Amino acid sequence: MILTAKKKAFLEELPGVVEEAIKTYGVRLRKIEIEEDEKGCYTVLITYDSEFRP
């Protein structure tokens, strides 16, 4: 099953959020999308496989 986690962050926090997603989901990670809102805050959408299938 494919799931998406949503995180909010400011520009200076983005590298840490992306690094944490890579460490947490590893090979299950499918994609990371970053969207900016009108106030300069970012929404990070992390899409990953809930089960590992080699």
PDB file of N, CA and C in Angstrom:
ATOM      1  N   MET A   1       0.840  -1.164   0.000  1.00  0.00           N
ATOM      2  CA  MET A   1       0.000   0.000   0.000  1.00  0.00           C
ATOM      3  C   MET A   1       0.898   1.243   0.000  1.00  0.00           C
ATOM      4  N   ILE A   2       0.548   2.225  -0.804  1.00  0.00           N
ATOM      5  CA  ILE A   2       1.289   3.476  -0.874  1.00  0.00           C
ATOM      6  C   ILE A   2       0.645   4.475   0.092  1.00  0.00           C
ATOM      7  N   LEU A   3       1.454   5.085   0.950  1.00  0.00           N
ATOM      8  CA  LEU A   3       0.985   6.072   1.913  1.00  0.00           C
ATOM      9  C   LEU A   3       1.728   7.387   1.711  1.00  0.00           C
ATOM     10  N   THR A   4       1.143   8.484   2.190  1.00  0.00           N
ATOM     11  CA  THR A   4       1.785   9.788   2.107  1.00  0.00           C
ATOM     12  C   THR A   4       1.766  10.440   3.483  1.00  0.00           C
ATOM     13  N   ALA A   5       2.941  10.874   3.930  1.00  0.00           N
ATOM     14  CA  ALA A   5       3.069  11.620   5.185  1.00  0.00           C
ATOM     15  C   ALA A   5       3.196  13.094   4.831  1.00  0.00           C
ATOM     16  N   LYS A   6       2.616  13.954   5.656  1.00  0.00           N
ATOM     17  CA  LYS A   6       2.629  15.389   5.392  1.00  0.00           C
ATOM     18  C   LYS A   6       3.345  16.091   6.540  1.00  0.00           C
ATOM     19  N   LYS A   7       4.333  16.921   6.213  1.00  0.00           N
ATOM     20  CA  LYS A   7       5.088  17.671   7.217  1.00  0.00           C
ATOM     21  C   LYS A   7       5.099  19.137   6.818  1.00  0.00           C
ATOM     22  N   LYS A   8       5.058  20.028   7.800  1.00  0.00           N
ATOM     23  CA  LYS A   8       5.179  21.465   7.570  1.00  0.00           C
ATOM     24  C   LYS A   8       6.580  21.884   7.993  1.00  0.00           C
ATOM     25  N   ALA A   9       7.189  22.832   7.248  1.00  0.00           N
ATOM     26  CA  ALA A   9       8.539  23.278   7.580  1.00  0.00           C
ATOM     27  C   ALA A   9       8.800  24.649   6.970  1.00  0.00           C
ATOM     28  N   PHE A  10       9.752  25.369   7.568  1.00  0.00           N
ATOM     29  CA  PHE A  10      10.248  26.599   6.984  1.00  0.00           C
ATOM     30  C   PHE A  10      11.430  26.250   6.092  1.00  0.00           C
ATOM     31  N   LEU A  11      11.842  27.167   5.241  1.00  0.00           N
ATOM     32  CA  LEU A  11      12.895  26.927   4.261  1.00  0.00           C
ATOM     33  C   LEU A  11      14.157  26.340   4.892  1.00  0.00           C
ATOM     34  N   GLU A  12      14.594  26.888   6.012  1.00  0.00           N
ATOM     35  CA  GLU A  12      15.826  26.416   6.643  1.00  0.00           C
ATOM     36  C   GLU A  12      15.701  25.017   7.249  1.00  0.00           C
ATOM     37  N   GLU A  13      14.484  24.540   7.434  1.00  0.00           N
ATOM     38  CA  GLU A  13      14.256  23.208   7.997  1.00  0.00           C
ATOM     39  C   GLU A  13      14.127  22.115   6.930  1.00  0.00           C
ATOM     40  N   LEU A  14      13.964  22.497   5.666  1.00  0.00           N
ATOM     41  CA  LEU A  14      13.727  21.518   4.597  1.00  0.00           C
ATOM     42  C   LEU A  14      14.807  20.445   4.482  1.00  0.00           C
ATOM     43  N   PRO A  15      16.105  20.797   4.494  1.00  0.00           N
ATOM     44  CA  PRO A  15      17.111  19.726   4.389  1.00  0.00           C
ATOM     45  C   PRO A  15      16.981  18.672   5.492  1.00  0.00           C
ATOM     46  N   GLY A  16      16.673  19.084   6.707  1.00  0.00           N
ATOM     47  CA  GLY A  16      16.510  18.147   7.811  1.00  0.00           C
ATOM     48  C   GLY A  16      15.297  17.257   7.641  1.00  0.00           C
ATOM     49  N   VAL A  17      14.211  17.814   7.133  1.00  0.00           N
ATOM     50  CA  VAL A  17      12.983  17.033   6.907  1.00  0.00           C
ATOM     51  C   VAL A  17      13.230  15.979   5.832  1.00  0.00           C
ATOM     52  N   VAL A  18      13.911  16.377   4.755  1.00  0.00           N
ATOM     53  CA  VAL A  18      14.203  15.432   3.674  1.00  0.00           C
ATOM     54  C   VAL A  18      15.157  14.343   4.161  1.00  0.00           C
ATOM     55  N   GLU A  19      16.188  14.726   4.911  1.00  0.00           N
ATOM     56  CA  GLU A  19      17.143  13.743   5.434  1.00  0.00           C
ATOM     57  C   GLU A  19      16.449  12.752   6.370  1.00  0.00           C
ATOM     58  N   GLU A  20      15.564  13.253   7.212  1.00  0.00           N
ATOM     59  CA  GLU A  20      14.829  12.375   8.130  1.00  0.00           C
ATOM     60  C   GLU A  20      13.944  11.394   7.365  1.00  0.00           C
ATOM     61  N   ALA A  21      13.307  11.865   6.295  1.00  0.00           N
ATOM     62  CA  ALA A  21      12.449  10.984   5.479  1.00  0.00           C
ATOM     63  C   ALA A  21      13.277   9.879   4.845  1.00  0.00           C
ATOM     64  N   ILE A  22      14.444  10.220   4.336  1.00  0.00           N
ATOM     65  CA  ILE A  22      15.311   9.215   3.711  1.00  0.00           C
ATOM     66  C   ILE A  22      15.756   8.181   4.727  1.00  0.00           C
ATOM     67  N   LYS A  23      16.141   8.619   5.928  1.00  0.00           N
ATOM     68  CA  LYS A  23      16.571   7.684   6.973  1.00  0.00           C
ATOM     69  C   LYS A  23      15.403   6.817   7.447  1.00  0.00           C
ATOM     70  N   THR A  24      14.236   7.412   7.589  1.00  0.00           N
ATOM     71  CA  THR A  24      13.073   6.697   8.114  1.00  0.00           C
ATOM     72  C   THR A  24      12.522   5.674   7.131  1.00  0.00           C
ATOM     73  N   TYR A  25      12.355   6.054   5.865  1.00  0.00           N
ATOM     74  CA  TYR A  25      11.686   5.192   4.899  1.00  0.00           C
ATOM     75  C   TYR A  25      12.633   4.421   3.992  1.00  0.00           C
ATOM     76  N   GLY A  26      13.873   4.859   3.852  1.00  0.00           N
ATOM     77  CA  GLY A  26      14.881   4.131   3.078  1.00  0.00           C
ATOM     78  C   GLY A  26      14.391   3.722   1.700  1.00  0.00           C
ATOM     79  N   VAL A  27      14.528   2.427   1.384  1.00  0.00           N
ATOM     80  CA  VAL A  27      14.160   1.926   0.054  1.00  0.00           C
ATOM     81  C   VAL A  27      12.650   1.941  -0.189  1.00  0.00           C
ATOM     82  N   ARG A  28      11.860   2.126   0.855  1.00  0.00           N
ATOM     83  CA  ARG A  28      10.406   2.207   0.686  1.00  0.00           C
ATOM     84  C   ARG A  28       9.963   3.580   0.173  1.00  0.00           C
ATOM     85  N   LEU A  29      10.852   4.581   0.240  1.00  0.00           N
ATOM     86  CA  LEU A  29      10.549   5.936  -0.194  1.00  0.00           C
ATOM     87  C   LEU A  29      10.287   5.964  -1.694  1.00  0.00           C
ATOM     88  N   ARG A  30       9.188   6.576  -2.108  1.00  0.00           N
ATOM     89  CA  ARG A  30       8.834   6.658  -3.526  1.00  0.00           C
ATOM     90  C   ARG A  30       9.067   8.050  -4.087  1.00  0.00           C
ATOM     91  N   LYS A  31       8.630   9.099  -3.371  1.00  0.00           N
ATOM     92  CA  LYS A  31       8.880  10.460  -3.833  1.00  0.00           C
ATOM     93  C   LYS A  31       8.668  11.463  -2.708  1.00  0.00           C
ATOM     94  N   ILE A  32       9.282  12.623  -2.884  1.00  0.00           N
ATOM     95  CA  ILE A  32       9.123  13.738  -1.961  1.00  0.00           C
ATOM     96  C   ILE A  32       8.714  14.950  -2.780  1.00  0.00           C
ATOM     97  N   GLU A  33       7.611  15.574  -2.397  1.00  0.00           N
ATOM     98  CA  GLU A  33       7.133  16.785  -3.059  1.00  0.00           C
ATOM     99  C   GLU A  33       7.165  17.923  -2.056  1.00  0.00           C
ATOM    100  N   ILE A  34       7.613  19.089  -2.502  1.00  0.00           N
ATOM    101  CA  ILE A  34       7.683  20.255  -1.633  1.00  0.00           C
ATOM    102  C   ILE A  34       6.850  21.359  -2.273  1.00  0.00           C
ATOM    103  N   GLU A  35       5.890  21.881  -1.511  1.00  0.00           N
ATOM    104  CA  GLU A  35       5.010  22.936  -1.993  1.00  0.00           C
ATOM    105  C   GLU A  35       5.117  24.140  -1.066  1.00  0.00           C
ATOM    106  N   GLU A  36       5.220  25.337  -1.639  1.00  0.00           N
ATOM    107  CA  GLU A  36       5.297  26.565  -0.851  1.00  0.00           C
ATOM    108  C   GLU A  36       3.925  27.223  -0.811  1.00  0.00           C
ATOM    109  N   ASP A  37       3.527  27.701   0.365  1.00  0.00           N
ATOM    110  CA  ASP A  37       2.268  28.436   0.449  1.00  0.00           C
ATOM    111  C   ASP A  37       2.538  29.941   0.358  1.00  0.00           C
ATOM    112  N   GLU A  38       1.479  30.721   0.385  1.00  0.00           N
ATOM    113  CA  GLU A  38       1.612  32.172   0.208  1.00  0.00           C
ATOM    114  C   GLU A  38       2.330  32.868   1.370  1.00  0.00           C
ATOM    115  N   LYS A  39       2.451  32.211   2.509  1.00  0.00           N
ATOM    116  CA  LYS A  39       3.118  32.799   3.669  1.00  0.00           C
ATOM    117  C   LYS A  39       4.587  32.423   3.764  1.00  0.00           C
ATOM    118  N   GLY A  40       5.085  31.629   2.813  1.00  0.00           N
ATOM    119  CA  GLY A  40       6.489  31.227   2.832  1.00  0.00           C
ATOM    120  C   GLY A  40       6.767  29.975   3.645  1.00  0.00           C
ATOM    121  N   CYS A  41       5.713  29.278   4.035  1.00  0.00           N
ATOM    122  CA  CYS A  41       5.870  28.009   4.737  1.00  0.00           C
ATOM    123  C   CYS A  41       5.783  26.895   3.687  1.00  0.00           C
ATOM    124  N   TYR A  42       6.432  25.776   3.968  1.00  0.00           N
ATOM    125  CA  TYR A  42       6.479  24.686   3.006  1.00  0.00           C
ATOM    126  C   TYR A  42       5.761  23.455   3.545  1.00  0.00           C
ATOM    127  N   THR A  43       5.094  22.759   2.661  1.00  0.00           N
ATOM    128  CA  THR A  43       4.479  21.478   2.970  1.00  0.00           C
ATOM    129  C   THR A  43       5.281  20.416   2.231  1.00  0.00           C
ATOM    130  N   VAL A  44       5.740  19.428   2.976  1.00  0.00           N
ATOM    131  CA  VAL A  44       6.524  18.338   2.396  1.00  0.00           C
ATOM    132  C   VAL A  44       5.642  17.091   2.397  1.00  0.00           C
ATOM    133  N   LEU A  45       5.397  16.555   1.208  1.00  0.00           N
ATOM    134  CA  LEU A  45       4.608  15.333   1.067  1.00  0.00           C
ATOM    135  C   LEU A  45       5.565  14.186   0.765  1.00  0.00           C
ATOM    136  N   ILE A  46       5.595  13.221   1.661  1.00  0.00           N
ATOM    137  CA  ILE A  46       6.525  12.091   1.565  1.00  0.00           C
ATOM    138  C   ILE A  46       5.708  10.842   1.226  1.00  0.00           C
ATOM    139  N   THR A  47       5.896  10.318   0.039  1.00  0.00           N
ATOM    140  CA  THR A  47       5.159   9.135  -0.411  1.00  0.00           C
ATOM    141  C   THR A  47       6.064   7.912  -0.281  1.00  0.00           C
ATOM    142  N   TYR A  48       5.530   6.860   0.347  1.00  0.00           N
ATOM    143  CA  TYR A  48       6.326   5.660   0.590  1.00  0.00           C
ATOM    144  C   TYR A  48       5.447   4.418   0.571  1.00  0.00           C
ATOM    145  N   ASP A  49       6.092   3.269   0.391  1.00  0.00           N
ATOM    146  CA  ASP A  49       5.446   1.965   0.440  1.00  0.00           C
ATOM    147  C   ASP A  49       5.308   1.548   1.903  1.00  0.00           C
ATOM    148  N   SER A  50       4.152   1.148   2.334  1.00  0.00           N
ATOM    149  CA  SER A  50       3.979   0.740   3.730  1.00  0.00           C
ATOM    150  C   SER A  50       4.614  -0.620   3.999  1.00  0.00           C
ATOM    151  N   GLU A  51       4.841  -1.402   2.940  1.00  0.00           N
ATOM    152  CA  GLU A  51       5.469  -2.720   3.087  1.00  0.00           C
ATOM    153  C   GLU A  51       6.636  -2.814   2.123  1.00  0.00           C
ATOM    154  N   PHE A  52       7.728  -3.390   2.563  1.00  0.00           N
ATOM    155  CA  PHE A  52       8.894  -3.552   1.694  1.00  0.00           C
ATOM    156  C   PHE A  52       8.721  -4.772   0.804  1.00  0.00           C
ATOM    157  N   ARG A  53       8.868  -4.551  -0.500  1.00  0.00           N
ATOM    158  CA  ARG A  53       8.817  -5.647  -1.476  1.00  0.00           C
ATOM    159  C   ARG A  53      10.065  -5.566  -2.340  1.00  0.00           C
ATOM    160  N   PRO A  54      11.019  -6.480  -2.174  1.00  0.00           N
ATOM    161  CA  PRO A  54      12.272  -6.415  -2.944  1.00  0.00           C
ATOM    162  C   PRO A  54      12.091  -6.593  -4.431  1.00  0.00           C
TER     163      PRO A  54
END
